[in-house]
């Protein structure tokens, strides 16, 4: 079992570095979008689990020295907040009328 787990991790890393992070991200987002279309409740549970894992990882990272974690940004899986009223209007609308 340990060998299988290690080999799966190695295969995932080889795939990630072979096709690049952008394509891996696009694949993951595409899979999530399909899951959300098919089963919104399962997608919401998955998003909440990812948000909880990200928060737990942030607690661990906060304990590490700043020099080790400089430039490290964790993804934000929380539900998007409603946009501010100022952001709903086009800021260049006034210039377009002139």
PDB file of N, CA and C in Angstrom:
ATOM      1  N   UNK A   1       0.821  -1.192   0.000  1.00  0.00           N
ATOM      2  CA  UNK A   1       0.000   0.000   0.000  1.00  0.00           C
ATOM      3  C   UNK A   1       0.867   1.260   0.000  1.00  0.00           C
ATOM      4  N   UNK A   2       1.926   1.229   0.790  1.00  0.00           N
ATOM      5  CA  UNK A   2       2.812   2.395   0.840  1.00  0.00           C
ATOM      6  C   UNK A   2       3.465   2.607  -0.520  1.00  0.00           C
ATOM      7  N   UNK A   3       3.911   1.524  -1.144  1.00  0.00           N
ATOM      8  CA  UNK A   3       4.530   1.626  -2.462  1.00  0.00           C
ATOM      9  C   UNK A   3       3.550   2.207  -3.473  1.00  0.00           C
ATOM     10  N   UNK A   4       2.307   1.752  -3.429  1.00  0.00           N
ATOM     11  CA  UNK A   4       1.288   2.255  -4.348  1.00  0.00           C
ATOM     12  C   UNK A   4       1.022   3.738  -4.112  1.00  0.00           C
ATOM     13  N   UNK A   5       0.973   4.153  -2.859  1.00  0.00           N
ATOM     14  CA  UNK A   5       0.753   5.567  -2.544  1.00  0.00           C
ATOM     15  C   UNK A   5       1.923   6.423  -3.019  1.00  0.00           C
ATOM     16  N   UNK A   6       3.145   5.967  -2.790  1.00  0.00           N
ATOM     17  CA  UNK A   6       4.324   6.725  -3.219  1.00  0.00           C
ATOM     18  C   UNK A   6       4.378   6.800  -4.743  1.00  0.00           C
ATOM     19  N   UNK A   7       4.099   5.706  -5.414  1.00  0.00           N
ATOM     20  CA  UNK A   7       4.135   5.702  -6.875  1.00  0.00           C
ATOM     21  C   UNK A   7       3.031   6.591  -7.458  1.00  0.00           C
ATOM     22  N   UNK A   8       1.875   6.635  -6.815  1.00  0.00           N
ATOM     23  CA  UNK A   8       0.803   7.525  -7.270  1.00  0.00           C
ATOM     24  C   UNK A   8       1.226   8.982  -7.134  1.00  0.00           C
ATOM     25  N   UNK A   9       1.866   9.300  -6.025  1.00  0.00           N
ATOM     26  CA  UNK A   9       2.360  10.664  -5.814  1.00  0.00           C
ATOM     27  C   UNK A   9       3.423  11.026  -6.841  1.00  0.00           C
ATOM     28  N   UNK A  10       4.336  10.112  -7.106  1.00  0.00           N
ATOM     29  CA  UNK A  10       5.379  10.358  -8.103  1.00  0.00           C
ATOM     30  C   UNK A  10       4.765  10.538  -9.489  1.00  0.00           C
ATOM     31  N   UNK A  11       3.804   9.702  -9.838  1.00  0.00           N
ATOM     32  CA  UNK A  11       3.143   9.828 -11.142  1.00  0.00           C
ATOM     33  C   UNK A  11       2.417  11.162 -11.257  1.00  0.00           C
ATOM     34  N   UNK A  12       1.751  11.596 -10.184  1.00  0.00           N
ATOM     35  CA  UNK A  12       1.068  12.885 -10.208  1.00  0.00           C
ATOM     36  C   UNK A  12       2.068  14.034 -10.381  1.00  0.00           C
ATOM     37  N   UNK A  13       3.193  13.959  -9.710  1.00  0.00           N
ATOM     38  CA  UNK A  13       4.213  15.010  -9.848  1.00  0.00           C
ATOM     39  C   UNK A  13       4.809  15.032 -11.251  1.00  0.00           C
ATOM     40  N   UNK A  14       5.077  13.870 -11.816  1.00  0.00           N
ATOM     41  CA  UNK A  14       5.607  13.811 -13.190  1.00  0.00           C
ATOM     42  C   UNK A  14       4.597  14.405 -14.161  1.00  0.00           C
ATOM     43  N   UNK A  15       3.342  14.067 -14.007  1.00  0.00           N
ATOM     44  CA  UNK A  15       2.296  14.615 -14.869  1.00  0.00           C
ATOM     45  C   UNK A  15       2.205  16.124 -14.714  1.00  0.00           C
ATOM     46  N   UNK A  16       2.242  16.596 -13.467  1.00  0.00           N
ATOM     47  CA  UNK A  16       2.146  18.040 -13.195  1.00  0.00           C
ATOM     48  C   UNK A  16       3.289  18.798 -13.866  1.00  0.00           C
ATOM     49  N   UNK A  17       4.508  18.302 -13.705  1.00  0.00           N
ATOM     50  CA  UNK A  17       5.651  19.005 -14.287  1.00  0.00           C
ATOM     51  C   UNK A  17       5.772  18.782 -15.789  1.00  0.00           C
ATOM     52  N   UNK A  18       5.161  17.730 -16.305  1.00  0.00           N
ATOM     53  CA  UNK A  18       5.221  17.471 -17.747  1.00  0.00           C
ATOM     54  C   UNK A  18       4.283  18.382 -18.527  1.00  0.00           C
ATOM     55  N   UNK A  19       3.046  18.510 -18.072  1.00  0.00           N
ATOM     56  CA  UNK A  19       2.084  19.301 -18.846  1.00  0.00           C
ATOM     57  C   UNK A  19       1.971  20.732 -18.355  1.00  0.00           C
ATOM     58  N   UNK A  20       2.499  21.020 -17.184  1.00  0.00           N
ATOM     59  CA  UNK A  20       2.526  22.397 -16.694  1.00  0.00           C
ATOM     60  C   UNK A  20       1.374  22.729 -15.769  1.00  0.00           C
ATOM     61  N   UNK A  21       1.601  23.693 -14.904  1.00  0.00           N
ATOM     62  CA  UNK A  21       0.580  24.037 -13.905  1.00  0.00           C
ATOM     63  C   UNK A  21      -0.681  24.655 -14.500  1.00  0.00           C
ATOM     64  N   UNK A  22      -0.568  25.373 -15.604  1.00  0.00           N
ATOM     65  CA  UNK A  22      -1.744  26.005 -16.200  1.00  0.00           C
ATOM     66  C   UNK A  22      -2.733  24.969 -16.725  1.00  0.00           C
ATOM     67  N   UNK A  23      -2.225  23.939 -17.389  1.00  0.00           N
ATOM     68  CA  UNK A  23      -3.117  22.894 -17.908  1.00  0.00           C
ATOM     69  C   UNK A  23      -3.699  22.056 -16.788  1.00  0.00           C
ATOM     70  N   UNK A  24      -2.916  21.819 -15.729  1.00  0.00           N
ATOM     71  CA  UNK A  24      -3.437  21.073 -14.589  1.00  0.00           C
ATOM     72  C   UNK A  24      -4.549  21.876 -13.920  1.00  0.00           C
ATOM     73  N   UNK A  25      -4.329  23.174 -13.756  1.00  0.00           N
ATOM     74  CA  UNK A  25      -5.353  24.024 -13.151  1.00  0.00           C
ATOM     75  C   UNK A  25      -6.612  24.044 -14.019  1.00  0.00           C
ATOM     76  N   UNK A  26      -6.446  24.156 -15.323  1.00  0.00           N
ATOM     77  CA  UNK A  26      -7.606  24.154 -16.223  1.00  0.00           C
ATOM     78  C   UNK A  26      -8.358  22.829 -16.135  1.00  0.00           C
ATOM     79  N   UNK A  27      -7.636  21.719 -16.014  1.00  0.00           N
ATOM     80  CA  UNK A  27      -8.271  20.418 -15.892  1.00  0.00           C
ATOM     81  C   UNK A  27      -9.062  20.323 -14.596  1.00  0.00           C
ATOM     82  N   UNK A  28      -8.456  20.773 -13.486  1.00  0.00           N
ATOM     83  CA  UNK A  28      -9.139  20.701 -12.186  1.00  0.00           C
ATOM     84  C   UNK A  28     -10.382  21.593 -12.184  1.00  0.00           C
ATOM     85  N   UNK A  29     -10.266  22.788 -12.722  1.00  0.00           N
ATOM     86  CA  UNK A  29     -11.418  23.697 -12.770  1.00  0.00           C
ATOM     87  C   UNK A  29     -12.515  23.114 -13.662  1.00  0.00           C
ATOM     88  N   UNK A  30     -12.131  22.512 -14.769  1.00  0.00           N
ATOM     89  CA  UNK A  30     -13.112  21.879 -15.653  1.00  0.00           C
ATOM     90  C   UNK A  30     -13.840  20.735 -14.965  1.00  0.00           C
ATOM     91  N   UNK A  31     -13.096  19.917 -14.221  1.00  0.00           N
ATOM     92  CA  UNK A  31     -13.723  18.819 -13.471  1.00  0.00           C
ATOM     93  C   UNK A  31     -14.674  19.360 -12.411  1.00  0.00           C
ATOM     94  N   UNK A  32     -14.270  20.439 -11.727  1.00  0.00           N
ATOM     95  CA  UNK A  32     -15.129  21.025 -10.702  1.00  0.00           C
ATOM     96  C   UNK A  32     -16.391  21.619 -11.332  1.00  0.00           C
ATOM     97  N   UNK A  33     -16.248  22.288 -12.477  1.00  0.00           N
ATOM     98  CA  UNK A  33     -17.418  22.857 -13.151  1.00  0.00           C
ATOM     99  C   UNK A  33     -18.410  21.769 -13.568  1.00  0.00           C
ATOM    100  N   UNK A  34     -17.889  20.641 -14.076  1.00  0.00           N
ATOM    101  CA  UNK A  34     -18.769  19.534 -14.441  1.00  0.00           C
ATOM    102  C   UNK A  34     -19.471  18.953 -13.222  1.00  0.00           C
ATOM    103  N   UNK A  35     -18.739  18.844 -12.100  1.00  0.00           N
ATOM    104  CA  UNK A  35     -19.350  18.354 -10.871  1.00  0.00           C
ATOM    105  C   UNK A  35     -20.421  19.320 -10.380  1.00  0.00           C
ATOM    106  N   UNK A  36     -20.144  20.618 -10.450  1.00  0.00           N
ATOM    107  CA  UNK A  36     -21.116  21.622 -10.007  1.00  0.00           C
ATOM    108  C   UNK A  36     -22.376  21.580 -10.872  1.00  0.00           C
ATOM    109  N   UNK A  37     -22.221  21.359 -12.175  1.00  0.00           N
ATOM    110  CA  UNK A  37     -23.383  21.263 -13.055  1.00  0.00           C
ATOM    111  C   UNK A  37     -24.207  20.009 -12.765  1.00  0.00           C
ATOM    112  N   UNK A  38     -23.521  18.912 -12.463  1.00  0.00           N
ATOM    113  CA  UNK A  38     -24.196  17.636 -12.244  1.00  0.00           C
ATOM    114  C   UNK A  38     -24.768  17.515 -10.830  1.00  0.00           C
ATOM    115  N   UNK A  39     -23.986  17.969  -9.814  1.00  0.00           N
ATOM    116  CA  UNK A  39     -24.403  17.806  -8.415  1.00  0.00           C
ATOM    117  C   UNK A  39     -23.917  19.013  -7.607  1.00  0.00           C
ATOM    118  N   UNK A  40     -24.710  20.080  -7.552  1.00  0.00           N
ATOM    119  CA  UNK A  40     -24.280  21.296  -6.849  1.00  0.00           C
ATOM    120  C   UNK A  40     -23.988  21.083  -5.365  1.00  0.00           C
ATOM    121  N   UNK A  41     -24.731  20.188  -4.721  1.00  0.00           N
ATOM    122  CA  UNK A  41     -24.489  19.944  -3.295  1.00  0.00           C
ATOM    123  C   UNK A  41     -23.125  19.303  -3.056  1.00  0.00           C
ATOM    124  N   UNK A  42     -22.766  18.335  -3.881  1.00  0.00           N
ATOM    125  CA  UNK A  42     -21.461  17.688  -3.743  1.00  0.00           C
ATOM    126  C   UNK A  42     -20.339  18.682  -4.033  1.00  0.00           C
ATOM    127  N   UNK A  43     -20.540  19.549  -5.015  1.00  0.00           N
ATOM    128  CA  UNK A  43     -19.529  20.560  -5.326  1.00  0.00           C
ATOM    129  C   UNK A  43     -19.361  21.534  -4.170  1.00  0.00           C
ATOM    130  N   UNK A  44     -20.464  21.890  -3.519  1.00  0.00           N
ATOM    131  CA  UNK A  44     -20.380  22.801  -2.381  1.00  0.00           C
ATOM    132  C   UNK A  44     -19.670  22.136  -1.203  1.00  0.00           C
ATOM    133  N   UNK A  45     -19.951  20.846  -0.967  1.00  0.00           N
ATOM    134  CA  UNK A  45     -19.247  20.118   0.103  1.00  0.00           C
ATOM    135  C   UNK A  45     -17.759  20.037  -0.197  1.00  0.00           C
ATOM    136  N   UNK A  46     -17.405  19.791  -1.457  1.00  0.00           N
ATOM    137  CA  UNK A  46     -15.998  19.724  -1.843  1.00  0.00           C
ATOM    138  C   UNK A  46     -15.305  21.070  -1.647  1.00  0.00           C
ATOM    139  N   UNK A  47     -15.995  22.155  -2.025  1.00  0.00           N
ATOM    140  CA  UNK A  47     -15.419  23.491  -1.853  1.00  0.00           C
ATOM    141  C   UNK A  47     -15.214  23.808  -0.376  1.00  0.00           C
ATOM    142  N   UNK A  48     -16.183  23.428   0.459  1.00  0.00           N
ATOM    143  CA  UNK A  48     -16.056  23.679   1.900  1.00  0.00           C
ATOM    144  C   UNK A  48     -14.919  22.867   2.511  1.00  0.00           C
ATOM    145  N   UNK A  49     -14.746  21.627   2.066  1.00  0.00           N
ATOM    146  CA  UNK A  49     -13.621  20.817   2.565  1.00  0.00           C
ATOM    147  C   UNK A  49     -12.292  21.406   2.139  1.00  0.00           C
ATOM    148  N   UNK A  50     -12.221  21.901   0.916  1.00  0.00           N
ATOM    149  CA  UNK A  50     -10.980  22.525   0.443  1.00  0.00           C
ATOM    150  C   UNK A  50     -10.697  23.804   1.218  1.00  0.00           C
ATOM    151  N   UNK A  51     -11.728  24.581   1.529  1.00  0.00           N
ATOM    152  CA  UNK A  51     -11.544  25.807   2.311  1.00  0.00           C
ATOM    153  C   UNK A  51     -11.056  25.474   3.711  1.00  0.00           C
ATOM    154  N   UNK A  52     -11.611  24.429   4.325  1.00  0.00           N
ATOM    155  CA  UNK A  52     -11.173  24.033   5.663  1.00  0.00           C
ATOM    156  C   UNK A  52      -9.726  23.547   5.647  1.00  0.00           C
ATOM    157  N   UNK A  53      -9.361  22.776   4.623  1.00  0.00           N
ATOM    158  CA  UNK A  53      -7.980  22.297   4.517  1.00  0.00           C
ATOM    159  C   UNK A  53      -7.022  23.459   4.301  1.00  0.00           C
ATOM    160  N   UNK A  54      -7.431  24.433   3.511  1.00  0.00           N
ATOM    161  CA  UNK A  54      -6.594  25.605   3.265  1.00  0.00           C
ATOM    162  C   UNK A  54      -6.390  26.405   4.555  1.00  0.00           C
ATOM    163  N   UNK A  55      -7.438  26.515   5.355  1.00  0.00           N
ATOM    164  CA  UNK A  55      -7.311  27.240   6.625  1.00  0.00           C
ATOM    165  C   UNK A  55      -6.406  26.495   7.597  1.00  0.00           C
ATOM    166  N   UNK A  56      -6.509  25.161   7.651  1.00  0.00           N
ATOM    167  CA  UNK A  56      -5.624  24.381   8.523  1.00  0.00           C
ATOM    168  C   UNK A  56      -4.174  24.511   8.066  1.00  0.00           C
ATOM    169  N   UNK A  57      -3.957  24.493   6.768  1.00  0.00           N
ATOM    170  CA  UNK A  57      -2.607  24.646   6.240  1.00  0.00           C
ATOM    171  C   UNK A  57      -2.060  26.042   6.532  1.00  0.00           C
ATOM    172  N   UNK A  58      -2.925  27.048   6.499  1.00  0.00           N
ATOM    173  CA  UNK A  58      -2.497  28.411   6.808  1.00  0.00           C
ATOM    174  C   UNK A  58      -2.037  28.526   8.259  1.00  0.00           C
ATOM    175  N   UNK A  59      -2.698  27.802   9.162  1.00  0.00           N
ATOM    176  CA  UNK A  59      -2.286  27.813  10.571  1.00  0.00           C
ATOM    177  C   UNK A  59      -0.885  27.233  10.712  1.00  0.00           C
ATOM    178  N   UNK A  60      -0.616  26.141  10.004  1.00  0.00           N
ATOM    179  CA  UNK A  60       0.711  25.524  10.060  1.00  0.00           C
ATOM    180  C   UNK A  60       1.752  26.454   9.444  1.00  0.00           C
ATOM    181  N   UNK A  61       1.421  27.078   8.332  1.00  0.00           N
ATOM    182  CA  UNK A  61       2.367  27.963   7.650  1.00  0.00           C
ATOM    183  C   UNK A  61       2.677  29.190   8.492  1.00  0.00           C
ATOM    184  N   UNK A  62       1.685  29.667   9.254  1.00  0.00           N
ATOM    185  CA  UNK A  62       1.920  30.831  10.113  1.00  0.00           C
ATOM    186  C   UNK A  62       2.961  30.548  11.194  1.00  0.00           C
ATOM    187  N   UNK A  63       3.151  29.298  11.545  1.00  0.00           N
ATOM    188  CA  UNK A  63       4.130  28.936  12.568  1.00  0.00           C
ATOM    189  C   UNK A  63       5.552  28.870  12.018  1.00  0.00           C
ATOM    190  N   UNK A  64       5.690  28.809  10.712  1.00  0.00           N
ATOM    191  CA  UNK A  64       7.007  28.729  10.084  1.00  0.00           C
ATOM    192  C   UNK A  64       7.643  30.118  10.012  1.00  0.00           C
ATOM    193  N   UNK A  65       8.976  30.164   9.906  1.00  0.00           N
ATOM    194  CA  UNK A  65       9.636  31.471   9.782  1.00  0.00           C
ATOM    195  C   UNK A  65       9.192  32.206   8.522  1.00  0.00           C
ATOM    196  N   UNK A  66       9.162  33.523   8.616  1.00  0.00           N
ATOM    197  CA  UNK A  66       8.706  34.369   7.497  1.00  0.00           C
ATOM    198  C   UNK A  66       9.576  34.171   6.256  1.00  0.00           C
ATOM    199  N   UNK A  67      10.859  33.971   6.450  1.00  0.00           N
ATOM    200  CA  UNK A  67      11.748  33.811   5.295  1.00  0.00           C
ATOM    201  C   UNK A  67      11.433  32.541   4.507  1.00  0.00           C
ATOM    202  N   UNK A  68      10.872  31.540   5.156  1.00  0.00           N
ATOM    203  CA  UNK A  68      10.518  30.304   4.467  1.00  0.00           C
ATOM    204  C   UNK A  68       9.237  30.443   3.666  1.00  0.00           C
ATOM    205  N   UNK A  69       8.357  31.309   4.105  1.00  0.00           N
ATOM    206  CA  UNK A  69       7.034  31.395   3.486  1.00  0.00           C
ATOM    207  C   UNK A  69       6.815  32.670   2.690  1.00  0.00           C
ATOM    208  N   UNK A  70       7.849  33.446   2.473  1.00  0.00           N
ATOM    209  CA  UNK A  70       7.703  34.688   1.701  1.00  0.00           C
ATOM    210  C   UNK A  70       7.263  34.336   0.277  1.00  0.00           C
ATOM    211  N   UNK A  71       6.212  34.969  -0.168  1.00  0.00           N
ATOM    212  CA  UNK A  71       5.721  34.754  -1.526  1.00  0.00           C
ATOM    213  C   UNK A  71       4.817  33.540  -1.674  1.00  0.00           C
ATOM    214  N   UNK A  72       4.468  32.892  -0.576  1.00  0.00           N
ATOM    215  CA  UNK A  72       3.586  31.735  -0.624  1.00  0.00           C
ATOM    216  C   UNK A  72       2.153  32.194  -0.392  1.00  0.00           C
ATOM    217  N   UNK A  73       1.293  31.933  -1.346  1.00  0.00           N
ATOM    218  CA  UNK A  73      -0.102  32.337  -1.248  1.00  0.00           C
ATOM    219  C   UNK A  73      -0.990  31.114  -1.406  1.00  0.00           C
ATOM    220  N   UNK A  74      -1.874  30.919  -0.456  1.00  0.00           N
ATOM    221  CA  UNK A  74      -2.799  29.794  -0.517  1.00  0.00           C
ATOM    222  C   UNK A  74      -4.052  30.206  -1.276  1.00  0.00           C
ATOM    223  N   UNK A  75      -4.662  29.275  -1.984  1.00  0.00           N
ATOM    224  CA  UNK A  75      -5.890  29.618  -2.717  1.00  0.00           C
ATOM    225  C   UNK A  75      -7.034  29.917  -1.760  1.00  0.00           C
ATOM    226  N   UNK A  76      -7.953  30.727  -2.226  1.00  0.00           N
ATOM    227  CA  UNK A  76      -9.122  31.098  -1.441  1.00  0.00           C
ATOM    228  C   UNK A  76     -10.313  30.314  -1.967  1.00  0.00           C
ATOM    229  N   UNK A  77     -10.810  29.377  -1.152  1.00  0.00           N
ATOM    230  CA  UNK A  77     -11.930  28.539  -1.563  1.00  0.00           C
ATOM    231  C   UNK A  77     -13.250  29.006  -0.981  1.00  0.00           C
ATOM    232  N   UNK A  78     -13.239  30.089  -0.218  1.00  0.00           N
ATOM    233  CA  UNK A  78     -14.482  30.574   0.373  1.00  0.00           C
ATOM    234  C   UNK A  78     -15.418  31.063  -0.716  1.00  0.00           C
ATOM    235  N   UNK A  79     -16.693  31.073  -0.396  1.00  0.00           N
ATOM    236  CA  UNK A  79     -17.698  31.530  -1.354  1.00  0.00           C
ATOM    237  C   UNK A  79     -17.440  32.991  -1.693  1.00  0.00           C
ATOM    238  N   UNK A  80     -17.566  33.376  -2.951  1.00  0.00           N
ATOM    239  CA  UNK A  80     -17.307  34.770  -3.317  1.00  0.00           C
ATOM    240  C   UNK A  80     -18.311  35.707  -2.650  1.00  0.00           C
ATOM    241  N   UNK A  81     -17.797  36.807  -2.157  1.00  0.00           N
ATOM    242  CA  UNK A  81     -18.661  37.792  -1.510  1.00  0.00           C
ATOM    243  C   UNK A  81     -19.369  38.621  -2.571  1.00  0.00           C
ATOM    244  N   UNK A  82     -20.443  39.250  -2.165  1.00  0.00           N
ATOM    245  CA  UNK A  82     -21.164  40.122  -3.084  1.00  0.00           C
ATOM    246  C   UNK A  82     -20.277  41.319  -3.426  1.00  0.00           C
ATOM    247  N   UNK A  83     -20.239  41.731  -4.688  1.00  0.00           N
ATOM    248  CA  UNK A  83     -19.393  42.877  -5.046  1.00  0.00           C
ATOM    249  C   UNK A  83     -19.919  44.163  -4.417  1.00  0.00           C
ATOM    250  N   UNK A  84     -18.989  45.024  -4.109  1.00  0.00           N
ATOM    251  CA  UNK A  84     -19.351  46.322  -3.540  1.00  0.00           C
ATOM    252  C   UNK A  84     -20.160  47.106  -4.569  1.00  0.00           C
ATOM    253  N   UNK A  85     -21.035  47.993  -4.094  1.00  0.00           N
ATOM    254  CA  UNK A  85     -21.915  48.753  -4.991  1.00  0.00           C
ATOM    255  C   UNK A  85     -21.105  49.580  -5.992  1.00  0.00           C
ATOM    256  N   UNK A  86     -19.950  50.092  -5.574  1.00  0.00           N
ATOM    257  CA  UNK A  86     -19.121  50.885  -6.485  1.00  0.00           C
ATOM    258  C   UNK A  86     -18.587  50.033  -7.639  1.00  0.00           C
ATOM    259  N   UNK A  87     -18.352  48.754  -7.380  1.00  0.00           N
ATOM    260  CA  UNK A  87     -17.790  47.885  -8.412  1.00  0.00           C
ATOM    261  C   UNK A  87     -18.820  47.422  -9.427  1.00  0.00           C
ATOM    262  N   UNK A  88     -20.088  47.612  -9.154  1.00  0.00           N
ATOM    263  CA  UNK A  88     -21.115  47.188 -10.094  1.00  0.00           C
ATOM    264  C   UNK A  88     -21.210  48.119 -11.298  1.00  0.00           C
ATOM    265  N   UNK A  89     -20.828  49.371 -11.122  1.00  0.00           N
ATOM    266  CA  UNK A  89     -20.857  50.317 -12.243  1.00  0.00           C
ATOM    267  C   UNK A  89     -19.528  50.281 -12.982  1.00  0.00           C
ATOM    268  N   UNK A  90     -19.582  50.588 -14.246  1.00  0.00           N
ATOM    269  CA  UNK A  90     -18.374  50.651 -15.057  1.00  0.00           C
ATOM    270  C   UNK A  90     -17.644  51.951 -14.734  1.00  0.00           C
ATOM    271  N   UNK A  91     -16.373  51.877 -14.297  1.00  0.00           N
ATOM    272  CA  UNK A  91     -15.669  53.100 -13.922  1.00  0.00           C
ATOM    273  C   UNK A  91     -15.356  54.011 -15.118  1.00  0.00           C
ATOM    274  N   UNK A  92     -15.423  53.469 -16.318  1.00  0.00           N
ATOM    275  CA  UNK A  92     -15.097  54.260 -17.490  1.00  0.00           C
ATOM    276  C   UNK A  92     -16.353  54.728 -18.233  1.00  0.00           C
ATOM    277  N   UNK A  93     -17.501  54.510 -17.659  1.00  0.00           N
ATOM    278  CA  UNK A  93     -18.758  54.901 -18.289  1.00  0.00           C
ATOM    279  C   UNK A  93     -18.805  56.412 -18.528  1.00  0.00           C
ATOM    280  N   UNK A  94     -18.347  57.166 -17.550  1.00  0.00           N
ATOM    281  CA  UNK A  94     -18.363  58.626 -17.673  1.00  0.00           C
ATOM    282  C   UNK A  94     -17.456  59.082 -18.826  1.00  0.00           C
ATOM    283  N   UNK A  95     -16.315  58.430 -18.977  1.00  0.00           N
ATOM    284  CA  UNK A  95     -15.405  58.811 -20.060  1.00  0.00           C
ATOM    285  C   UNK A  95     -15.948  58.421 -21.424  1.00  0.00           C
ATOM    286  N   UNK A  96     -16.681  57.329 -21.489  1.00  0.00           N
ATOM    287  CA  UNK A  96     -17.233  56.887 -22.766  1.00  0.00           C
ATOM    288  C   UNK A  96     -18.295  57.861 -23.272  1.00  0.00           C
ATOM    289  N   UNK A  97     -19.012  58.512 -22.358  1.00  0.00           N
ATOM    290  CA  UNK A  97     -20.040  59.455 -22.774  1.00  0.00           C
ATOM    291  C   UNK A  97     -19.443  60.756 -23.306  1.00  0.00           C
ATOM    292  N   UNK A  98     -18.227  61.050 -22.937  1.00  0.00           N
ATOM    293  CA  UNK A  98     -17.620  62.346 -23.352  1.00  0.00           C
ATOM    294  C   UNK A  98     -17.136  62.318 -24.742  1.00  0.00           C
TER     295      UNK A  98
END
